[in-house]
């Protein structure tokens, strides 16, 4: 299994950097064997990097960067959509940074894919799927197309459920925040009318 993940890195124009967090430009993160360790190849819309972290460690690091730990994100996904395996993760909802794993995140071959960047996908072979991203780049992943389809649907459901919660809370906050203000505004209007009619 580890042999399948080995890549020829000599020809890649990748930069090894440590200070990196997943962001709205990140399309996917995949494991590569680099020496005796597993590193992350991060592919962005217009760039790519080789990072000295395992993909799962990079996902955790990025969750922490945006203020919520990975385990809390997992619990949130479970509560919102009710699934317990291969959980999609909301790394940062404001910028729509949702990632889903291709297998169990604990497996070394797990690849993380950004939901928002996927434009379409199709079967290449029994265990291969080509994903075309919104920047029109295509990459082949060693994953059945059924897995990608299920993970896309689950992540879409996760995003929808979260947006519904946010909108519902926003309406409640708006109603609470504006209720007293409307009353005060009415009272001020009455006081103004009273003063304007007073000849003094």
Protein backbone atom coordinates (compact mmCIF):
# COMPACT_ATOMS: atom_id res chain seq x y z
CA UNK A 1 0.00 0.00 0.00
CA UNK A 2 2.79 2.40 0.88
CA UNK A 3 4.52 1.54 -2.40
CA UNK A 4 1.46 2.77 -4.29
CA UNK A 5 1.85 6.18 -2.68
CA UNK A 6 5.48 6.64 -3.73
CA UNK A 7 6.04 9.35 -6.30
CA UNK A 8 9.01 10.60 -8.25
CA UNK A 9 9.58 13.99 -6.60
CA UNK A 10 12.74 15.09 -8.42
CA UNK A 11 10.82 16.64 -11.30
CA UNK A 12 8.24 18.47 -9.18
CA UNK A 13 8.61 22.19 -8.61
CA UNK A 14 7.40 22.00 -5.05
CA UNK A 15 8.57 24.15 -2.20
CA UNK A 16 8.93 22.72 1.28
CA UNK A 17 7.33 25.15 3.71
CA UNK A 18 6.14 24.69 7.26
CA UNK A 19 3.98 27.78 7.82
CA UNK A 20 0.94 26.79 5.76
CA UNK A 21 -2.77 26.50 6.45
CA UNK A 22 -5.44 25.20 4.13
CA UNK A 23 -7.26 28.13 2.54
CA UNK A 24 -9.91 28.94 -0.05
CA UNK A 25 -7.41 28.29 -2.89
CA UNK A 26 -6.50 24.76 -1.74
CA UNK A 27 -7.97 22.10 -4.05
CA UNK A 28 -6.66 18.89 -2.51
CA UNK A 29 -4.06 17.40 -0.18
CA UNK A 30 -2.51 14.01 -0.88
CA UNK A 31 0.17 11.93 0.85
CA UNK A 32 3.59 11.35 -0.68
CA UNK A 33 6.50 9.35 0.60
CA UNK A 34 9.45 11.69 1.05
CA UNK A 35 12.49 9.88 2.38
CA UNK A 36 11.30 7.80 5.31
CA UNK A 37 8.32 10.03 6.09
CA UNK A 38 4.89 10.81 4.72
CA UNK A 39 4.56 14.40 3.58
CA UNK A 40 1.67 16.31 2.05
CA UNK A 41 1.45 17.46 -1.51
CA UNK A 42 -0.88 20.45 -1.47
CA UNK A 43 -2.33 21.55 -4.80
CA UNK A 44 -3.80 25.02 -5.03
CA UNK A 45 -5.54 26.77 -7.91
CA UNK A 46 -2.26 28.21 -9.20
CA UNK A 47 0.46 26.59 -7.11
CA UNK A 48 1.53 23.48 -5.23
CA UNK A 49 3.66 22.72 -2.20
CA UNK A 50 5.39 19.85 -0.46
CA UNK A 51 4.79 20.15 3.27
CA UNK A 52 6.47 18.26 6.12
CA UNK A 53 3.15 17.11 7.61
CA UNK A 54 0.90 14.14 7.07
CA UNK A 55 -2.38 15.19 5.40
CA UNK A 56 -4.41 14.57 8.55
CA UNK A 57 -1.96 16.62 10.60
CA UNK A 58 -2.31 19.46 8.11
CA UNK A 59 -6.12 19.25 8.35
CA UNK A 60 -5.88 19.40 12.16
CA UNK A 61 -3.38 22.27 12.03
CA UNK A 62 -5.67 24.22 9.71
CA UNK A 63 -8.73 23.66 11.93
CA UNK A 64 -6.75 25.02 14.87
CA UNK A 65 -5.65 28.02 12.82
CA UNK A 66 -9.30 28.98 12.25
CA UNK A 67 -10.11 28.60 15.94
CA UNK A 68 -11.77 25.19 16.27
CA UNK A 69 -10.02 21.86 16.86
CA UNK A 70 -10.43 18.89 14.53
CA UNK A 71 -12.31 16.71 17.04
CA UNK A 72 -14.90 19.47 17.53
CA UNK A 73 -15.34 19.70 13.77
CA UNK A 74 -15.91 15.94 13.62
CA UNK A 75 -18.52 16.12 16.36
CA UNK A 76 -20.21 18.98 14.54
CA UNK A 77 -20.41 16.95 11.33
CA UNK A 78 -21.91 13.99 13.19
CA UNK A 79 -24.54 16.19 14.83
CA UNK A 80 -25.49 17.92 11.59
CA UNK A 81 -25.73 14.98 9.18
CA UNK A 82 -25.63 11.87 11.37
CA UNK A 83 -22.76 10.02 9.69
CA UNK A 84 -19.85 8.49 11.57
CA UNK A 85 -17.32 7.33 8.95
CA UNK A 86 -15.15 9.25 6.49
CA UNK A 87 -16.48 12.50 7.88
CA UNK A 88 -16.32 15.70 5.90
CA UNK A 89 -14.76 18.57 7.82
CA UNK A 90 -15.75 22.22 7.94
CA UNK A 91 -12.36 23.88 8.19
CA UNK A 92 -13.74 27.41 7.83
CA UNK A 93 -17.42 28.04 6.96
CA UNK A 94 -17.19 31.76 6.17
CA UNK A 95 -14.98 31.08 3.15
CA UNK A 96 -16.73 27.78 2.36
CA UNK A 97 -13.68 25.63 3.11
CA UNK A 98 -15.14 22.12 3.30
CA UNK A 99 -12.92 19.06 2.78
CA UNK A 100 -13.82 15.39 2.51
CA UNK A 101 -11.54 12.33 2.86
CA UNK A 102 -11.37 9.60 0.23
CA UNK A 103 -10.93 6.84 2.84
CA UNK A 104 -10.65 6.75 6.62
CA UNK A 105 -8.46 9.71 7.65
CA UNK A 106 -6.42 7.30 9.76
CA UNK A 107 -5.25 5.41 6.68
CA UNK A 108 -1.95 6.66 5.21
CA UNK A 109 -3.34 6.76 1.67
CA UNK A 110 -6.17 9.17 2.57
CA UNK A 111 -6.54 12.15 0.24
CA UNK A 112 -8.48 15.28 1.25
CA UNK A 113 -10.45 17.08 -1.46
CA UNK A 114 -12.00 20.57 -1.34
CA UNK A 115 -15.72 20.31 -2.03
CA UNK A 116 -16.07 23.84 -3.43
CA UNK A 117 -13.40 23.32 -6.09
CA UNK A 118 -14.88 20.16 -7.65
CA UNK A 119 -16.60 20.92 -10.94
CA UNK A 120 -17.25 17.37 -12.17
CA UNK A 121 -15.90 13.83 -11.96
CA UNK A 122 -16.03 10.60 -13.94
CA UNK A 123 -14.98 6.98 -13.72
CA UNK A 124 -11.67 6.07 -15.35
CA UNK A 125 -11.37 2.52 -14.00
CA UNK A 126 -12.77 0.43 -11.16
CA UNK A 127 -10.51 2.16 -8.64
CA UNK A 128 -9.78 5.42 -10.45
CA UNK A 129 -11.75 8.65 -10.74
CA UNK A 130 -10.87 11.77 -12.69
CA UNK A 131 -11.90 14.99 -11.00
CA UNK A 132 -12.03 18.22 -12.96
CA UNK A 133 -11.70 21.24 -10.72
CA UNK A 134 -13.16 24.68 -11.31
CA UNK A 135 -9.85 26.00 -12.61
CA UNK A 136 -10.22 23.33 -15.36
CA UNK A 137 -7.32 21.21 -14.08
CA UNK A 138 -7.99 17.47 -14.00
CA UNK A 139 -6.41 14.96 -11.63
CA UNK A 140 -6.85 11.20 -11.37
CA UNK A 141 -7.36 9.78 -7.88
CA UNK A 142 -7.07 6.10 -6.87
CA UNK A 143 -10.65 6.02 -5.60
CA UNK A 144 -13.89 4.49 -6.97
CA UNK A 145 -16.25 7.03 -8.48
CA UNK A 146 -18.95 5.84 -6.07
CA UNK A 147 -16.83 7.02 -3.15
CA UNK A 148 -16.42 10.49 -4.64
CA UNK A 149 -20.14 10.66 -5.37
CA UNK A 150 -21.12 9.70 -1.83
CA UNK A 151 -18.63 12.10 -0.27
CA UNK A 152 -19.79 14.96 -2.49
CA UNK A 153 -23.41 14.33 -1.51
CA UNK A 154 -22.59 14.14 2.18
CA UNK A 155 -20.53 17.32 2.07
CA UNK A 156 -23.30 19.10 0.20
CA UNK A 157 -25.74 18.01 2.90
CA UNK A 158 -23.33 19.18 5.60
CA UNK A 159 -23.02 22.61 3.99
CA UNK A 160 -26.79 22.92 3.56
CA UNK A 161 -27.50 21.95 7.18
CA UNK A 162 -24.90 24.38 8.50
CA UNK A 163 -26.19 27.25 6.35
CA UNK A 164 -29.72 26.56 7.58
CA UNK A 165 -28.53 26.75 11.19
CA UNK A 166 -26.64 29.99 10.54
CA UNK A 167 -29.60 31.59 8.76
CA UNK A 168 -32.01 30.47 11.48
CA UNK A 169 -29.80 31.90 14.23
CA UNK A 170 -29.35 35.07 12.20
CA UNK A 171 -33.11 35.57 11.98
CA UNK A 172 -33.51 34.99 15.72
CA UNK A 173 -30.73 37.45 16.48
CA UNK A 174 -32.18 40.02 14.08
CA UNK A 175 -35.63 39.75 15.66
CA UNK A 176 -34.25 40.05 19.19
CA UNK A 177 -31.90 42.87 18.29
CA UNK A 178 -34.48 44.93 16.42
CA UNK A 179 -37.48 44.39 18.67
CA UNK A 180 -36.46 46.78 21.47
CA UNK A 181 -35.03 49.24 18.94
CA UNK A 182 -38.40 49.51 17.20
CA UNK A 183 -40.10 50.16 20.52
CA UNK A 184 -37.51 52.79 21.46
CA UNK A 185 -37.85 54.38 18.04
CA UNK A 186 -41.63 54.60 18.52
CA UNK A 187 -41.19 56.12 21.97
CA UNK A 188 -38.69 58.66 20.62
CA UNK A 189 -41.10 59.57 17.85
CA UNK A 190 -43.88 60.15 20.36
CA UNK A 191 -41.61 62.33 22.51
CA UNK A 192 -40.54 64.31 19.45
CA UNK A 193 -44.17 64.87 18.45
CA UNK A 194 -44.99 66.02 21.97
CA UNK A 195 -42.10 68.52 22.03
CA UNK A 196 -42.87 69.80 18.57
CA UNK A 197 -46.45 70.62 19.60
CA UNK A 198 -45.34 72.36 22.80
CA UNK A 199 -45.28 76.14 22.14
CA UNK A 200 -42.47 76.55 24.70
